Amino acid sequence: MPQRPSNREMKALYHLGEDNVLGPDDFKDIGEKTFAGMLKKKWVEEAGLGKFRTTEKGRIIHDEEVYFTGRWKR
């Protein structure tokens, strides 16, 4: 089972997607270190200089985490 994402990683995974390409500059409390960790875990992939999008693995982790923690998308 994959490691549970931190709150910062969950925030990034929630806003990222196949179409959304965001980077550390787009979040005020998520930095390059968080994205580097998610890149290492293969939850995100680089989509340009300093921009990232989720991988299939990242989307599955996000969906499972939302399901298990009872969070709802609004």
PDB file of N, CA and C in Angstrom:
ATOM      1  N   MET A   1       0.852  -1.180   0.000  1.00  0.00           N
ATOM      2  CA  MET A   1       0.000   0.000   0.000  1.00  0.00           C
ATOM      3  C   MET A   1       0.895   1.238   0.000  1.00  0.00           C
ATOM      4  N   PRO A   2       0.553   2.221  -0.788  1.00  0.00           N
ATOM      5  CA  PRO A   2       1.398   3.417  -0.865  1.00  0.00           C
ATOM      6  C   PRO A   2       1.359   4.224   0.419  1.00  0.00           C
ATOM      7  N   GLN A   3       2.435   4.981   0.608  1.00  0.00           N
ATOM      8  CA  GLN A   3       2.500   5.846   1.774  1.00  0.00           C
ATOM      9  C   GLN A   3       1.389   6.888   1.698  1.00  0.00           C
ATOM     10  N   ARG A   4       0.799   7.181   2.841  1.00  0.00           N
ATOM     11  CA  ARG A   4      -0.283   8.161   2.893  1.00  0.00           C
ATOM     12  C   ARG A   4       0.268   9.562   2.627  1.00  0.00           C
ATOM     13  N   PRO A   5      -0.381  10.333   1.765  1.00  0.00           N
ATOM     14  CA  PRO A   5       0.095  11.690   1.486  1.00  0.00           C
ATOM     15  C   PRO A   5      -0.083  12.617   2.686  1.00  0.00           C
ATOM     16  N   SER A   6       0.856  13.555   2.822  1.00  0.00           N
ATOM     17  CA  SER A   6       0.726  14.570   3.869  1.00  0.00           C
ATOM     18  C   SER A   6      -0.386  15.542   3.466  1.00  0.00           C
ATOM     19  N   ASN A   7      -0.756  16.424   4.369  1.00  0.00           N
ATOM     20  CA  ASN A   7      -1.791  17.407   4.053  1.00  0.00           C
ATOM     21  C   ASN A   7      -1.371  18.302   2.886  1.00  0.00           C
ATOM     22  N   ARG A   8      -0.101  18.677   2.841  1.00  0.00           N
ATOM     23  CA  ARG A   8       0.381  19.512   1.736  1.00  0.00           C
ATOM     24  C   ARG A   8       0.339  18.754   0.421  1.00  0.00           C
ATOM     25  N   GLU A   9       0.734  17.484   0.450  1.00  0.00           N
ATOM     26  CA  GLU A   9       0.678  16.679  -0.769  1.00  0.00           C
ATOM     27  C   GLU A   9      -0.768  16.489  -1.217  1.00  0.00           C
ATOM     28  N   MET A  10      -1.677  16.274  -0.252  1.00  0.00           N
ATOM     29  CA  MET A  10      -3.091  16.124  -0.614  1.00  0.00           C
ATOM     30  C   MET A  10      -3.629  17.396  -1.253  1.00  0.00           C
ATOM     31  N   LYS A  11      -3.233  18.546  -0.722  1.00  0.00           N
ATOM     32  CA  LYS A  11      -3.682  19.812  -1.289  1.00  0.00           C
ATOM     33  C   LYS A  11      -3.216  19.932  -2.740  1.00  0.00           C
ATOM     34  N   ALA A  12      -1.960  19.576  -2.997  1.00  0.00           N
ATOM     35  CA  ALA A  12      -1.434  19.642  -4.358  1.00  0.00           C
ATOM     36  C   ALA A  12      -2.138  18.639  -5.261  1.00  0.00           C
ATOM     37  N   LEU A  13      -2.298  17.395  -4.792  1.00  0.00           N
ATOM     38  CA  LEU A  13      -2.961  16.374  -5.606  1.00  0.00           C
ATOM     39  C   LEU A  13      -4.410  16.751  -5.901  1.00  0.00           C
ATOM     40  N   TYR A  14      -5.065  17.404  -4.945  1.00  0.00           N
ATOM     41  CA  TYR A  14      -6.455  17.817  -5.131  1.00  0.00           C
ATOM     42  C   TYR A  14      -6.575  18.828  -6.269  1.00  0.00           C
ATOM     43  N   HIS A  15      -5.625  19.756  -6.362  1.00  0.00           N
ATOM     44  CA  HIS A  15      -5.709  20.807  -7.371  1.00  0.00           C
ATOM     45  C   HIS A  15      -5.080  20.418  -8.702  1.00  0.00           C
ATOM     46  N   LEU A  16      -4.180  19.456  -8.691  1.00  0.00           N
ATOM     47  CA  LEU A  16      -3.557  19.007  -9.930  1.00  0.00           C
ATOM     48  C   LEU A  16      -4.453  17.984 -10.606  1.00  0.00           C
ATOM     49  N   GLY A  17      -4.155  17.683 -11.826  1.00  0.00           N
ATOM     50  CA  GLY A  17      -4.885  16.680 -12.575  1.00  0.00           C
ATOM     51  C   GLY A  17      -4.192  16.468 -13.896  1.00  0.00           C
ATOM     52  N   GLU A  18      -4.837  15.759 -14.810  1.00  0.00           N
ATOM     53  CA  GLU A  18      -4.260  15.574 -16.133  1.00  0.00           C
ATOM     54  C   GLU A  18      -4.136  16.909 -16.853  1.00  0.00           C
ATOM     55  N   ASP A  19      -5.129  17.756 -16.674  1.00  0.00           N
ATOM     56  CA  ASP A  19      -5.173  19.020 -17.404  1.00  0.00           C
ATOM     57  C   ASP A  19      -4.541  20.168 -16.640  1.00  0.00           C
ATOM     58  N   ASN A  20      -4.655  20.180 -15.316  1.00  0.00           N
ATOM     59  CA  ASN A  20      -4.080  21.257 -14.514  1.00  0.00           C
ATOM     60  C   ASN A  20      -2.588  21.040 -14.358  1.00  0.00           C
ATOM     61  N   VAL A  21      -1.820  22.040 -14.736  1.00  0.00           N
ATOM     62  CA  VAL A  21      -0.372  21.997 -14.602  1.00  0.00           C
ATOM     63  C   VAL A  21       0.011  23.147 -13.692  1.00  0.00           C
ATOM     64  N   LEU A  22       0.440  22.812 -12.473  1.00  0.00           N
ATOM     65  CA  LEU A  22       0.771  23.824 -11.474  1.00  0.00           C
ATOM     66  C   LEU A  22       2.142  23.536 -10.891  1.00  0.00           C
ATOM     67  N   GLY A  23       2.697  24.517 -10.234  1.00  0.00           N
ATOM     68  CA  GLY A  23       4.000  24.365  -9.612  1.00  0.00           C
ATOM     69  C   GLY A  23       4.009  24.956  -8.219  1.00  0.00           C
ATOM     70  N   PRO A  24       5.162  24.916  -7.544  1.00  0.00           N
ATOM     71  CA  PRO A  24       5.264  25.440  -6.184  1.00  0.00           C
ATOM     72  C   PRO A  24       4.871  26.908  -6.086  1.00  0.00           C
ATOM     73  N   ASP A  25       5.073  27.676  -7.128  1.00  0.00           N
ATOM     74  CA  ASP A  25       4.730  29.098  -7.099  1.00  0.00           C
ATOM     75  C   ASP A  25       3.221  29.336  -7.068  1.00  0.00           C
ATOM     76  N   ASP A  26       2.441  28.325  -7.427  1.00  0.00           N
ATOM     77  CA  ASP A  26       0.985  28.466  -7.461  1.00  0.00           C
ATOM     78  C   ASP A  26       0.337  28.196  -6.095  1.00  0.00           C
ATOM     79  N   PHE A  27       1.117  27.754  -5.132  1.00  0.00           N
ATOM     80  CA  PHE A  27       0.628  27.478  -3.786  1.00  0.00           C
ATOM     81  C   PHE A  27       1.468  28.287  -2.810  1.00  0.00           C
ATOM     82  N   LYS A  28       0.841  28.859  -1.795  1.00  0.00           N
ATOM     83  CA  LYS A  28       1.616  29.674  -0.864  1.00  0.00           C
ATOM     84  C   LYS A  28       2.311  28.844   0.214  1.00  0.00           C
ATOM     85  N   ASP A  29       1.836  27.641   0.510  1.00  0.00           N
ATOM     86  CA  ASP A  29       2.451  26.854   1.576  1.00  0.00           C
ATOM     87  C   ASP A  29       3.016  25.512   1.107  1.00  0.00           C
ATOM     88  N   ILE A  30       3.112  25.305  -0.191  1.00  0.00           N
ATOM     89  CA  ILE A  30       3.691  24.077  -0.731  1.00  0.00           C
ATOM     90  C   ILE A  30       4.910  24.487  -1.542  1.00  0.00           C
ATOM     91  N   GLY A  31       6.057  23.941  -1.179  1.00  0.00           N
ATOM     92  CA  GLY A  31       7.291  24.349  -1.825  1.00  0.00           C
ATOM     93  C   GLY A  31       7.857  23.290  -2.756  1.00  0.00           C
ATOM     94  N   GLU A  32       9.028  23.584  -3.261  1.00  0.00           N
ATOM     95  CA  GLU A  32       9.696  22.686  -4.193  1.00  0.00           C
ATOM     96  C   GLU A  32      10.032  21.349  -3.548  1.00  0.00           C
ATOM     97  N   LYS A  33      10.316  21.356  -2.250  1.00  0.00           N
ATOM     98  CA  LYS A  33      10.661  20.124  -1.550  1.00  0.00           C
ATOM     99  C   LYS A  33       9.491  19.131  -1.557  1.00  0.00           C
ATOM    100  N   THR A  34       8.289  19.631  -1.383  1.00  0.00           N
ATOM    101  CA  THR A  34       7.100  18.778  -1.409  1.00  0.00           C
ATOM    102  C   THR A  34       6.909  18.178  -2.796  1.00  0.00           C
ATOM    103  N   PHE A  35       7.042  19.012  -3.827  1.00  0.00           N
ATOM    104  CA  PHE A  35       6.896  18.510  -5.190  1.00  0.00           C
ATOM    105  C   PHE A  35       8.005  17.525  -5.543  1.00  0.00           C
ATOM    106  N   ALA A  36       9.225  17.756  -5.026  1.00  0.00           N
ATOM    107  CA  ALA A  36      10.331  16.830  -5.274  1.00  0.00           C
ATOM    108  C   ALA A  36      10.035  15.464  -4.651  1.00  0.00           C
ATOM    109  N   GLY A  37       9.446  15.460  -3.453  1.00  0.00           N
ATOM    110  CA  GLY A  37       9.070  14.208  -2.808  1.00  0.00           C
ATOM    111  C   GLY A  37       7.978  13.482  -3.570  1.00  0.00           C
ATOM    112  N   MET A  38       7.014  14.227  -4.068  1.00  0.00           N
ATOM    113  CA  MET A  38       5.926  13.618  -4.847  1.00  0.00           C
ATOM    114  C   MET A  38       6.451  13.098  -6.185  1.00  0.00           C
ATOM    115  N   LEU A  39       7.431  13.788  -6.750  1.00  0.00           N
ATOM    116  CA  LEU A  39       8.053  13.349  -8.006  1.00  0.00           C
ATOM    117  C   LEU A  39       8.803  12.040  -7.765  1.00  0.00           C
ATOM    118  N   LYS A  40       9.505  11.950  -6.640  1.00  0.00           N
ATOM    119  CA  LYS A  40      10.241  10.742  -6.284  1.00  0.00           C
ATOM    120  C   LYS A  40       9.295   9.561  -6.080  1.00  0.00           C
ATOM    121  N   LYS A  41       8.117   9.828  -5.507  1.00  0.00           N
ATOM    122  CA  LYS A  41       7.121   8.778  -5.261  1.00  0.00           C
ATOM    123  C   LYS A  41       6.311   8.454  -6.517  1.00  0.00           C
ATOM    124  N   LYS A  42       6.577   9.201  -7.602  1.00  0.00           N
ATOM    125  CA  LYS A  42       5.896   9.023  -8.900  1.00  0.00           C
ATOM    126  C   LYS A  42       4.404   9.337  -8.826  1.00  0.00           C
ATOM    127  N   TRP A  43       4.044  10.313  -7.955  1.00  0.00           N
ATOM    128  CA  TRP A  43       2.665  10.778  -7.874  1.00  0.00           C
ATOM    129  C   TRP A  43       2.433  11.906  -8.854  1.00  0.00           C
ATOM    130  N   VAL A  44       3.498  12.619  -9.222  1.00  0.00           N
ATOM    131  CA  VAL A  44       3.422  13.695 -10.200  1.00  0.00           C
ATOM    132  C   VAL A  44       4.536  13.511 -11.213  1.00  0.00           C
ATOM    133  N   GLU A  45       4.377  14.159 -12.368  1.00  0.00           N
ATOM    134  CA  GLU A  45       5.425  14.161 -13.382  1.00  0.00           C
ATOM    135  C   GLU A  45       5.649  15.591 -13.830  1.00  0.00           C
ATOM    136  N   GLU A  46       6.862  15.867 -14.254  1.00  0.00           N
ATOM    137  CA  GLU A  46       7.184  17.217 -14.676  1.00  0.00           C
ATOM    138  C   GLU A  46       6.533  17.488 -16.022  1.00  0.00           C
ATOM    139  N   ALA A  47       5.913  18.654 -16.142  1.00  0.00           N
ATOM    140  CA  ALA A  47       5.203  19.026 -17.372  1.00  0.00           C
ATOM    141  C   ALA A  47       5.719  20.373 -17.870  1.00  0.00           C
ATOM    142  N   GLY A  48       6.979  20.605 -17.695  1.00  0.00           N
ATOM    143  CA  GLY A  48       7.557  21.884 -18.074  1.00  0.00           C
ATOM    144  C   GLY A  48       8.446  22.369 -16.955  1.00  0.00           C
ATOM    145  N   LEU A  49       9.073  23.474 -17.170  1.00  0.00           N
ATOM    146  CA  LEU A  49      10.005  24.007 -16.188  1.00  0.00           C
ATOM    147  C   LEU A  49       9.280  24.439 -14.915  1.00  0.00           C
ATOM    148  N   GLY A  50       9.449  23.661 -13.844  1.00  0.00           N
ATOM    149  CA  GLY A  50       8.836  23.994 -12.556  1.00  0.00           C
ATOM    150  C   GLY A  50       7.345  23.771 -12.492  1.00  0.00           C
ATOM    151  N   LYS A  51       6.771  23.053 -13.437  1.00  0.00           N
ATOM    152  CA  LYS A  51       5.336  22.755 -13.447  1.00  0.00           C
ATOM    153  C   LYS A  51       5.136  21.250 -13.430  1.00  0.00           C
ATOM    154  N   PHE A  52       4.063  20.816 -12.788  1.00  0.00           N
ATOM    155  CA  PHE A  52       3.816  19.390 -12.611  1.00  0.00           C
ATOM    156  C   PHE A  52       2.353  19.052 -12.891  1.00  0.00           C
ATOM    157  N   ARG A  53       2.113  17.786 -13.220  1.00  0.00           N
ATOM    158  CA  ARG A  53       0.751  17.241 -13.341  1.00  0.00           C
ATOM    159  C   ARG A  53       0.764  15.875 -12.683  1.00  0.00           C
ATOM    160  N   THR A  54      -0.394  15.398 -12.280  1.00  0.00           N
ATOM    161  CA  THR A  54      -0.445  14.099 -11.602  1.00  0.00           C
ATOM    162  C   THR A  54      -0.270  12.976 -12.606  1.00  0.00           C
ATOM    163  N   THR A  55       0.252  11.889 -12.114  1.00  0.00           N
ATOM    164  CA  THR A  55       0.322  10.660 -12.893  1.00  0.00           C
ATOM    165  C   THR A  55      -0.926   9.845 -12.549  1.00  0.00           C
ATOM    166  N   GLU A  56      -1.104   8.741 -13.218  1.00  0.00           N
ATOM    167  CA  GLU A  56      -2.232   7.858 -12.904  1.00  0.00           C
ATOM    168  C   GLU A  56      -2.142   7.391 -11.452  1.00  0.00           C
ATOM    169  N   LYS A  57      -0.931   7.082 -10.999  1.00  0.00           N
ATOM    170  CA  LYS A  57      -0.722   6.661  -9.614  1.00  0.00           C
ATOM    171  C   LYS A  57      -1.143   7.764  -8.638  1.00  0.00           C
ATOM    172  N   GLY A  58      -0.818   9.004  -8.947  1.00  0.00           N
ATOM    173  CA  GLY A  58      -1.189  10.125  -8.091  1.00  0.00           C
ATOM    174  C   GLY A  58      -2.687  10.342  -8.035  1.00  0.00           C
ATOM    175  N   ARG A  59      -3.364  10.146  -9.152  1.00  0.00           N
ATOM    176  CA  ARG A  59      -4.818  10.300  -9.166  1.00  0.00           C
ATOM    177  C   ARG A  59      -5.490   9.182  -8.386  1.00  0.00           C
ATOM    178  N   ILE A  60      -4.975   7.976  -8.469  1.00  0.00           N
ATOM    179  CA  ILE A  60      -5.552   6.854  -7.717  1.00  0.00           C
ATOM    180  C   ILE A  60      -5.358   7.075  -6.227  1.00  0.00           C
ATOM    181  N   ILE A  61      -4.154   7.517  -5.823  1.00  0.00           N
ATOM    182  CA  ILE A  61      -3.890   7.776  -4.411  1.00  0.00           C
ATOM    183  C   ILE A  61      -4.829   8.856  -3.901  1.00  0.00           C
ATOM    184  N   HIS A  62      -5.011   9.903  -4.690  1.00  0.00           N
ATOM    185  CA  HIS A  62      -5.891  10.988  -4.280  1.00  0.00           C
ATOM    186  C   HIS A  62      -7.314  10.486  -4.123  1.00  0.00           C
ATOM    187  N   ASP A  63      -7.816   9.740  -5.097  1.00  0.00           N
ATOM    188  CA  ASP A  63      -9.192   9.237  -5.027  1.00  0.00           C
ATOM    189  C   ASP A  63      -9.393   8.303  -3.845  1.00  0.00           C
ATOM    190  N   GLU A  64      -8.431   7.393  -3.593  1.00  0.00           N
ATOM    191  CA  GLU A  64      -8.549   6.493  -2.460  1.00  0.00           C
ATOM    192  C   GLU A  64      -8.499   7.264  -1.151  1.00  0.00           C
ATOM    193  N   GLU A  65      -7.618   8.258  -1.072  1.00  0.00           N
ATOM    194  CA  GLU A  65      -7.485   9.040   0.153  1.00  0.00           C
ATOM    195  C   GLU A  65      -8.762   9.826   0.417  1.00  0.00           C
ATOM    196  N   VAL A  66      -9.341  10.388  -0.609  1.00  0.00           N
ATOM    197  CA  VAL A  66     -10.594  11.123  -0.451  1.00  0.00           C
ATOM    198  C   VAL A  66     -11.689  10.168   0.012  1.00  0.00           C
ATOM    199  N   TYR A  67     -11.717   8.984  -0.553  1.00  0.00           N
ATOM    200  CA  TYR A  67     -12.730   8.004  -0.186  1.00  0.00           C
ATOM    201  C   TYR A  67     -12.563   7.566   1.275  1.00  0.00           C
ATOM    202  N   PHE A  68     -11.325   7.201   1.651  1.00  0.00           N
ATOM    203  CA  PHE A  68     -11.106   6.656   2.991  1.00  0.00           C
ATOM    204  C   PHE A  68     -11.201   7.695   4.094  1.00  0.00           C
ATOM    205  N   THR A  69     -10.848   8.933   3.829  1.00  0.00           N
ATOM    206  CA  THR A  69     -10.902   9.946   4.877  1.00  0.00           C
ATOM    207  C   THR A  69     -12.248  10.637   4.931  1.00  0.00           C
ATOM    208  N   GLY A  70     -13.115  10.350   3.976  1.00  0.00           N
ATOM    209  CA  GLY A  70     -14.438  10.938   3.988  1.00  0.00           C
ATOM    210  C   GLY A  70     -14.482  12.358   3.440  1.00  0.00           C
ATOM    211  N   ARG A  71     -13.424  12.785   2.776  1.00  0.00           N
ATOM    212  CA  ARG A  71     -13.428  14.126   2.184  1.00  0.00           C
ATOM    213  C   ARG A  71     -14.259  14.106   0.912  1.00  0.00           C
ATOM    214  N   TRP A  72     -14.905  15.194   0.637  1.00  0.00           N
ATOM    215  CA  TRP A  72     -15.729  15.306  -0.558  1.00  0.00           C
ATOM    216  C   TRP A  72     -15.237  16.457  -1.417  1.00  0.00           C
ATOM    217  N   LYS A  73     -15.257  16.251  -2.717  1.00  0.00           N
ATOM    218  CA  LYS A  73     -14.916  17.337  -3.632  1.00  0.00           C
ATOM    219  C   LYS A  73     -16.098  18.284  -3.730  1.00  0.00           C
ATOM    220  N   ARG A  74     -15.823  19.564  -3.728  1.00  0.00           N
ATOM    221  CA  ARG A  74     -16.914  20.515  -3.847  1.00  0.00           C
ATOM    222  C   ARG A  74     -16.718  21.356  -5.067  1.00  0.00           C
TER     223      ARG A  74
END
